[in-house]
C-alpha atoms as a PDB file:
ATOM      1  CA  MET A   1     100.481  96.415  53.753  1.00  0.00           C
ATOM      2  CA  THR A   2     104.040  96.106  56.115  1.00  0.00           C
ATOM      3  CA  ILE A   3     105.212  92.264  55.767  1.00  0.00           C
ATOM      4  CA  TYR A   4     107.436  91.503  58.976  1.00  0.00           C
ATOM      5  CA  THR A   5     109.757  88.786  58.707  1.00  0.00           C
ATOM      6  CA  ILE A   6     111.500  86.601  61.690  1.00  0.00           C
ATOM      7  CA  SER A   7     114.194  84.051  60.427  1.00  0.00           C
ATOM      8  CA  VAL A   8     115.474  81.691  63.505  1.00  0.00           C
ATOM      9  CA  GLN A   9     118.897  79.788  62.750  1.00  0.00           C
ATOM     10  CA  ASN A  10     119.620  76.721  65.119  1.00  0.00           C
ATOM     11  CA  GLN A  11     123.382  76.450  65.608  1.00  0.00           C
ATOM     12  CA  ARG A  12     123.284  75.296  69.697  1.00  0.00           C
ATOM     13  CA  GLY A  13     124.293  71.971  68.051  1.00  0.00           C
ATOM     14  CA  ALA A  14     121.368  70.089  68.428  1.00  0.00           C
ATOM     15  CA  ASN A  15     118.181  69.410  67.325  1.00  0.00           C
ATOM     16  CA  THR A  16     115.606  71.570  68.954  1.00  0.00           C
ATOM     17  CA  ASN A  17     111.944  72.705  69.309  1.00  0.00           C
ATOM     18  CA  TYR A  18     110.641  76.581  69.228  1.00  0.00           C
ATOM     19  CA  ALA A  19     107.406  77.905  70.464  1.00  0.00           C
ATOM     20  CA  ILE A  20     106.459  81.710  69.355  1.00  0.00           C
ATOM     21  CA  PHE A  21     104.959  84.255  70.995  1.00  0.00           C
ATOM     22  CA  MET A  22     103.237  87.572  70.710  1.00  0.00           C
ATOM     23  CA  GLU A  23     103.682  90.387  73.465  1.00  0.00           C
ATOM     24  CA  PRO A  24     100.425  90.596  75.241  1.00  0.00           C
ATOM     25  CA  PRO A  25      98.771  93.876  74.184  1.00  0.00           C
ATOM     26  CA  GLN A  26      97.952  96.553  76.607  1.00  0.00           C
ATOM     27  CA  PHE A  27      94.091  95.582  78.221  1.00  0.00           C
ATOM     28  CA  SER A  28      92.300  98.153  79.214  1.00  0.00           C
ATOM     29  CA  GLY A  29      90.417  97.308  83.021  1.00  0.00           C
ATOM     30  CA  GLY A  30      92.823  95.967  85.571  1.00  0.00           C
ATOM     31  CA  GLN A  31      93.073  92.423  84.423  1.00  0.00           C
ATOM     32  CA  GLN A  32      95.867  90.261  84.410  1.00  0.00           C
ATOM     33  CA  PRO A  33      96.755  88.951  80.673  1.00  0.00           C
ATOM     34  CA  TRP A  34      97.927  85.515  79.844  1.00  0.00           C
ATOM     35  CA  MET A  35     100.329  85.145  76.765  1.00  0.00           C
ATOM     36  CA  ASN A  36      99.797  81.935  74.760  1.00  0.00           C
ATOM     37  CA  VAL A  37     101.953  79.843  72.811  1.00  0.00           C
ATOM     38  CA  TRP A  38     101.618  81.327  69.312  1.00  0.00           C
ATOM     39  CA  PHE A  39     102.622  78.602  67.058  1.00  0.00           C
ATOM     40  CA  THR A  40     105.685  75.673  67.603  1.00  0.00           C
ATOM     41  CA  GLN A  41     108.355  74.835  65.184  1.00  0.00           C
ATOM     42  CA  PHE A  42     111.018  71.663  65.114  1.00  0.00           C
ATOM     43  CA  VAL A  43     114.306  72.568  63.592  1.00  0.00           C
ATOM     44  CA  PRO A  44     117.281  70.551  63.148  1.00  0.00           C
ATOM     45  CA  ASP A  45     120.656  71.581  64.374  1.00  0.00           C
ATOM     46  CA  GLN A  46     122.068  73.817  61.418  1.00  0.00           C
ATOM     47  CA  GLY A  47     118.661  73.887  60.073  1.00  0.00           C
ATOM     48  CA  SER A  48     116.169  77.419  60.246  1.00  0.00           C
ATOM     49  CA  PHE A  49     112.667  78.876  59.995  1.00  0.00           C
ATOM     50  CA  GLU A  50     111.137  81.724  59.099  1.00  0.00           C
ATOM     51  CA  VAL A  51     107.929  83.473  60.805  1.00  0.00           C
ATOM     52  CA  GLN A  52     106.284  85.912  58.679  1.00  0.00           C
ATOM     53  CA  THR A  53     103.014  88.460  59.816  1.00  0.00           C
ATOM     54  CA  GLU A  54     101.699  91.310  59.418  1.00  0.00           C
ATOM     55  CA  LEU A  55      99.379  94.048  60.896  1.00  0.00           C
ATOM     56  CA  ASP A  56      96.638  91.482  60.941  1.00  0.00           C
ATOM     57  CA  PHE A  57      94.682  91.284  64.202  1.00  0.00           C
ATOM     58  CA  TYR A  58      91.581  89.287  65.172  1.00  0.00           C
ATOM     59  CA  ALA A  59      89.288  89.371  68.388  1.00  0.00           C
ATOM     60  CA  TRP A  60      88.870  86.362  70.001  1.00  0.00           C
ATOM     61  CA  THR A  61      86.588  84.739  72.594  1.00  0.00           C
ATOM     62  CA  GLY A  62      87.412  81.038  73.998  1.00  0.00           C
ATOM     63  CA  THR A  63      87.124  79.317  77.227  1.00  0.00           C
ATOM     64  CA  THR A  64      89.718  77.368  79.250  1.00  0.00           C
ATOM     65  CA  PRO A  65      89.062  73.767  80.488  1.00  0.00           C
ATOM     66  CA  GLU A  66      90.359  74.989  84.337  1.00  0.00           C
ATOM     67  CA  SER A  67      91.345  78.426  85.823  1.00  0.00           C
ATOM     68  CA  PRO A  68      93.554  80.140  83.319  1.00  0.00           C
ATOM     69  CA  MET A  69      97.227  80.030  84.745  1.00  0.00           C
ATOM     70  CA  PRO A  70     100.477  78.568  82.793  1.00  0.00           C
ATOM     71  CA  GLY A  71     100.004  75.050  81.638  1.00  0.00           C
ATOM     72  CA  VAL A  72      96.601  75.214  80.572  1.00  0.00           C
ATOM     73  CA  VAL A  73      95.557  74.946  77.447  1.00  0.00           C
ATOM     74  CA  VAL A  74      92.716  77.384  75.842  1.00  0.00           C
ATOM     75  CA  ASN A  75      89.815  75.899  73.804  1.00  0.00           C
ATOM     76  CA  PRO A  76      89.276  76.773  70.716  1.00  0.00           C
ATOM     77  CA  GLY A  77      86.817  79.695  70.445  1.00  0.00           C
ATOM     78  CA  MET A  78      85.849  82.505  67.987  1.00  0.00           C
ATOM     79  CA  SER A  79      87.840  84.658  65.934  1.00  0.00           C
ATOM     80  CA  MET A  80      86.765  87.794  63.908  1.00  0.00           C
ATOM     81  CA  PHE A  81      89.294  90.805  61.812  1.00  0.00           C
ATOM     82  CA  ALA A  82      89.901  93.929  63.720  1.00  0.00           C
ATOM     83  CA  GLN A  83      91.028  97.135  62.503  1.00  0.00           C
ATOM     84  CA  PRO A  84      92.582  99.554  65.659  1.00  0.00           C
ATOM     85  CA  GLY A  85      91.245 103.220  65.484  1.00  0.00           C
ATOM     86  CA  THR A  86      93.210 105.985  64.280  1.00  0.00           C
ATOM     87  CA  GLU A  87      93.105 109.700  64.646  1.00  0.00           C
ATOM     88  CA  THR A  88      90.255 109.731  62.525  1.00  0.00           C
ATOM     89  CA  GLU A  89      88.113 106.586  62.830  1.00  0.00           C
ATOM     90  CA  PRO A  90      87.312 104.567  65.594  1.00  0.00           C
ATOM     91  CA  GLY A  91      89.114 100.548  66.053  1.00  0.00           C
ATOM     92  CA  SER A  92      86.538  97.832  65.192  1.00  0.00           C
ATOM     93  CA  THR A  93      83.990  96.844  68.751  1.00  0.00           C
ATOM     94  CA  PHE A  94      82.344  93.924  69.566  1.00  0.00           C
ATOM     95  CA  ASP A  95      79.619  92.397  71.308  1.00  0.00           C
ATOM     96  CA  MET A  96      80.524  89.328  73.266  1.00  0.00           C
ATOM     97  CA  ALA A  97      77.752  87.282  74.307  1.00  0.00           C
ATOM     98  CA  VAL A  98      77.604  83.383  76.002  1.00  0.00           C
ATOM     99  CA  ILE A  99      75.087  81.092  73.820  1.00  0.00           C
ATOM    100  CA  GLN A 100      74.578  78.374  75.306  1.00  0.00           C
ATOM    101  CA  ASN A 101      77.869  78.128  77.485  1.00  0.00           C
ATOM    102  CA  PHE A 102      79.872  78.984  74.254  1.00  0.00           C
ATOM    103  CA  PRO A 103      81.466  82.554  73.868  1.00  0.00           C
ATOM    104  CA  THR A 104      80.833  84.505  70.636  1.00  0.00           C
ATOM    105  CA  ILE A 105      81.537  87.737  69.329  1.00  0.00           C
ATOM    106  CA  LYS A 106      79.791  89.844  66.643  1.00  0.00           C
ATOM    107  CA  PRO A 107      80.313  93.095  65.358  1.00  0.00           C
ATOM    108  CA  THR A 108      78.890  96.437  66.400  1.00  0.00           C
ATOM    109  CA  SER A 109      78.996 100.051  66.350  1.00  0.00           C
ATOM    110  CA  SER A 110      83.138 101.336  66.015  1.00  0.00           C
ATOM    111  CA  THR A 111      84.108 102.925  69.411  1.00  0.00           C
ATOM    112  CA  ALA A 112      87.974 101.685  70.093  1.00  0.00           C
ATOM    113  CA  ILE A 113      90.384 104.347  70.771  1.00  0.00           C
ATOM    114  CA  PRO A 114      93.284 104.787  68.514  1.00  0.00           C
ATOM    115  CA  GLY A 115      95.648 102.120  68.111  1.00  0.00           C
ATOM    116  CA  ALA A 116      92.960  99.542  69.615  1.00  0.00           C
ATOM    117  CA  PHE A 117      90.578  97.033  69.200  1.00  0.00           C
ATOM    118  CA  GLU A 118      86.905  96.987  72.000  1.00  0.00           C
ATOM    119  CA  ILE A 119      85.476  94.083  72.924  1.00  0.00           C
ATOM    120  CA  ASP A 120      82.163  94.846  75.139  1.00  0.00           C
ATOM    121  CA  THR A 121      80.429  92.136  77.520  1.00  0.00           C
ATOM    122  CA  GLY A 122      77.231  91.879  79.252  1.00  0.00           C
ATOM    123  CA  THR A 123      76.378  90.018  81.997  1.00  0.00           C
ATOM    124  CA  ASP A 124      77.281  86.278  80.985  1.00  0.00           C
ATOM    125  CA  PHE A 125      79.543  85.619  83.893  1.00  0.00           C
ATOM    126  CA  MET A 126      79.086  83.851  86.795  1.00  0.00           C
ATOM    127  CA  VAL A 127      81.244  86.687  89.565  1.00  0.00           C
ATOM    128  CA  PRO A 128      84.402  85.493  89.860  1.00  0.00           C
ATOM    129  CA  ASN A 129      85.227  84.443  86.005  1.00  0.00           C
ATOM    130  CA  ASN A 130      87.791  81.860  85.626  1.00  0.00           C
ATOM    131  CA  ASN A 131      85.723  80.140  82.235  1.00  0.00           C
ATOM    132  CA  TYR A 132      85.373  82.848  79.606  1.00  0.00           C
ATOM    133  CA  LEU A 133      88.806  84.908  78.134  1.00  0.00           C
ATOM    134  CA  VAL A 134      88.617  87.851  75.556  1.00  0.00           C
ATOM    135  CA  GLY A 135      91.940  88.472  73.920  1.00  0.00           C
ATOM    136  CA  LEU A 136      93.913  88.762  70.498  1.00  0.00           C
ATOM    137  CA  ALA A 137      93.947  86.241  68.075  1.00  0.00           C
ATOM    138  CA  LYS A 138      96.992  85.928  64.980  1.00  0.00           C
ATOM    139  CA  PRO A 139      97.329  83.570  62.183  1.00  0.00           C
ATOM    140  CA  ASN A 140     100.228  81.710  62.253  1.00  0.00           C
ATOM    141  CA  ASN A 141     102.605  80.358  59.085  1.00  0.00           C
ATOM    142  CA  ARG A 142     100.182  77.768  58.417  1.00  0.00           C
ATOM    143  CA  GLY A 143      97.081  80.332  58.586  1.00  0.00           C
ATOM    144  CA  GLN A 144      95.527  78.855  61.484  1.00  0.00           C
ATOM    145  CA  LEU A 145      94.337  81.552  63.952  1.00  0.00           C
ATOM    146  CA  PHE A 146      95.660  80.868  67.605  1.00  0.00           C
ATOM    147  CA  PRO A 147      94.753  82.829  70.318  1.00  0.00           C
ATOM    148  CA  VAL A 148      98.291  85.130  71.573  1.00  0.00           C
ATOM    149  CA  ALA A 149      97.029  86.874  74.877  1.00  0.00           C
ATOM    150  CA  SER A 150      94.240  86.819  76.637  1.00  0.00           C
ATOM    151  CA  VAL A 151      92.456  88.243  79.731  1.00  0.00           C
ATOM    152  CA  ALA A 152      89.023  86.662  81.950  1.00  0.00           C
ATOM    153  CA  PRO A 153      86.675  89.843  81.737  1.00  0.00           C
ATOM    154  CA  PHE A 154      83.954  90.843  84.287  1.00  0.00           C
ATOM    155  CA  ASN A 155      80.893  91.835  83.484  1.00  0.00           C
ATOM    156  CA  ASN A 156      79.713  94.791  81.606  1.00  0.00           C
ATOM    157  CA  GLU A 157      83.244  95.906  80.629  1.00  0.00           C
ATOM    158  CA  LYS A 158      84.108  97.900  77.216  1.00  0.00           C
ATOM    159  CA  ILE A 159      88.115  96.365  76.821  1.00  0.00           C
ATOM    160  CA  GLN A 160      89.860  98.106  74.728  1.00  0.00           C
ATOM    161  CA  VAL A 161      92.504  95.861  73.194  1.00  0.00           C
ATOM    162  CA  THR A 162      95.702  97.880  72.134  1.00  0.00           C
ATOM    163  CA  PRO A 163      98.759  95.229  70.118  1.00  0.00           C
ATOM    164  CA  LYS A 164     101.983  95.519  69.819  1.00  0.00           C
ATOM    165  CA  MET A 165     103.880  93.872  67.061  1.00  0.00           C
ATOM    166  CA  LYS A 166     106.931  92.325  69.525  1.00  0.00           C
ATOM    167  CA  PHE A 167     107.278  88.833  69.731  1.00  0.00           C
ATOM    168  CA  PHE A 168     109.490  85.955  71.997  1.00  0.00           C
ATOM    169  CA  ILE A 169     111.512  82.602  70.688  1.00  0.00           C
ATOM    170  CA  THR A 170     112.286  79.955  73.381  1.00  0.00           C
ATOM    171  CA  GLU A 171     113.369  76.324  73.242  1.00  0.00           C
ATOM    172  CA  SER A 172     110.161  74.588  74.194  1.00  0.00           C
ATOM    173  CA  GLN A 173     107.668  71.472  74.399  1.00  0.00           C
ATOM    174  CA  GLN A 174     104.717  73.471  74.907  1.00  0.00           C
ATOM    175  CA  VAL A 175     101.794  73.598  72.578  1.00  0.00           C
ATOM    176  CA  PRO A 176      99.462  76.133  70.521  1.00  0.00           C
ATOM    177  CA  GLY A 177      97.144  77.822  72.713  1.00  0.00           C
ATOM    178  CA  GLU A 178      99.009  76.778  76.031  1.00  0.00           C
ATOM    179  CA  ILE A 179      98.951  79.598  78.517  1.00  0.00           C
ATOM    180  CA  VAL A 180     102.718  80.210  79.626  1.00  0.00           C
ATOM    181  CA  ASP A 181     104.394  82.277  82.167  1.00  0.00           C
ATOM    182  CA  TYR A 182     105.813  85.624  80.773  1.00  0.00           C
ATOM    183  CA  SER A 183     108.371  86.532  83.277  1.00  0.00           C
ATOM    184  CA  ALA A 184     110.293  82.658  82.206  1.00  0.00           C
ATOM    185  CA  VAL A 185     109.738  83.340  78.224  1.00  0.00           C
ATOM    186  CA  SER A 186     110.564  87.317  78.511  1.00  0.00           C
ATOM    187  CA  ARG A 187     113.732  86.041  80.770  1.00  0.00           C
ATOM    188  CA  ASP A 188     115.087  83.067  78.608  1.00  0.00           C
ATOM    189  CA  GLY A 189     114.159  83.740  75.337  1.00  0.00           C
ATOM    190  CA  ALA A 190     114.910  86.005  72.116  1.00  0.00           C
ATOM    191  CA  THR A 191     113.108  89.181  72.224  1.00  0.00           C
ATOM    192  CA  ILE A 192     112.102  90.694  68.446  1.00  0.00           C
ATOM    193  CA  ASP A 193     110.542  94.232  68.623  1.00  0.00           C
ATOM    194  CA  PHE A 194     109.457  96.215  65.364  1.00  0.00           C
ATOM    195  CA  SER A 195     107.831  98.840  67.591  1.00  0.00           C
ATOM    196  CA  SER A 196     110.520 100.549  69.528  1.00  0.00           C
ATOM    197  CA  GLY A 197     113.805 100.680  69.737  1.00  0.00           C
ATOM    198  CA  GLU A 198     116.466  99.287  67.400  1.00  0.00           C
ATOM    199  CA  GLY A 199     113.564  97.159  65.527  1.00  0.00           C
ATOM    200  CA  LYS A 200     111.436 100.168  64.960  1.00  0.00           C
ATOM    201  CA  GLY A 201     111.097 100.674  61.453  1.00  0.00           C
ATOM    202  CA  LYS A 202     112.818  97.721  60.208  1.00  0.00           C
ATOM    203  CA  SER A 203     110.480  94.719  59.095  1.00  0.00           C
ATOM    204  CA  PHE A 204     113.490  92.262  59.223  1.00  0.00           C
ATOM    205  CA  ALA A 205     114.651  89.713  61.961  1.00  0.00           C
ATOM    206  CA  LEU A 206     117.681  87.138  62.157  1.00  0.00           C
ATOM    207  CA  VAL A 207     117.276  85.114  65.139  1.00  0.00           C
ATOM    208  CA  VAL A 208     120.845  83.276  65.982  1.00  0.00           C
ATOM    209  CA  GLN A 209     120.459  80.137  68.669  1.00  0.00           C
ATOM    210  CA  GLY A 210     124.420  79.552  69.710  1.00  0.00           C
ATOM    211  CA  SER A 211     126.073  76.763  70.768  1.00  0.00           C
ATOM    212  CA  ASP A 212     125.817  78.178  74.261  1.00  0.00           C
ATOM    213  CA  GLY A 213     122.179  78.201  74.624  1.00  0.00           C
ATOM    214  CA  GLY A 214     121.844  82.374  74.251  1.00  0.00           C
ATOM    215  CA  PHE A 215     120.133  84.138  71.299  1.00  0.00           C
ATOM    216  CA  THR A 216     121.182  87.089  69.242  1.00  0.00           C
ATOM    217  CA  VAL A 217     118.839  89.729  67.366  1.00  0.00           C
ATOM    218  CA  THR A 218     120.014  92.020  64.675  1.00  0.00           C
ATOM    219  CA  TYR A 219     117.496  93.738  62.358  1.00  0.00           C
ATOM    220  CA  ASP A 220     117.507  95.128  59.414  1.00  0.00           C
ATOM    221  CA  GLN A 221     114.735  96.580  56.155  1.00  0.00           C
ATOM    222  CA  LEU A 222     113.738  95.087  53.477  1.00  0.00           C
ATOM    223  CA  GLU A 223     112.472  96.565  50.021  1.00  0.00           C
END
């Protein structure tokens, strides 16, 4: 399996904290997806760190302490490894249920479309649902699973979740699991896209933050 590496260098002239995000996958159903902080890293001036990740995706469900919006930190939930579908094999599918107010997922017969995994809901939610979330989680550099994107589902939905190997890095004081403003992150941060454009077919990205605070991104293919 391909290992994707993002190397980040701090050349801005001061110590800083970075937050790493993953592009929210495509969710069927039309709900607004929420992007979460994947993980964070302190880097001193002239220091660097690396992010390594693979095509390892996890179905996730959890809750929020209040209506989802930027600044809200999601509560820990439940994750299970998910295999996206191919042209010949359907992707992993999970039934989501709420048991004593705790959201759960369990595998069921695979029916997800190519490139996606599927999460099916029952009739567990009050309407509107502002508490229970489903989405995508990824293991970080420490092997900890954190949600990277989620939606508040409706009852009786079959949600196709199609991940994309696209990432963002910004200066940030946020914490893992915190919901963020997608437009601000995509506007102000570095964009690393292994799924299209210059980064397609590559497995290494060098991200440099310069003295003006801006980011440059270059790609290469590691053997």
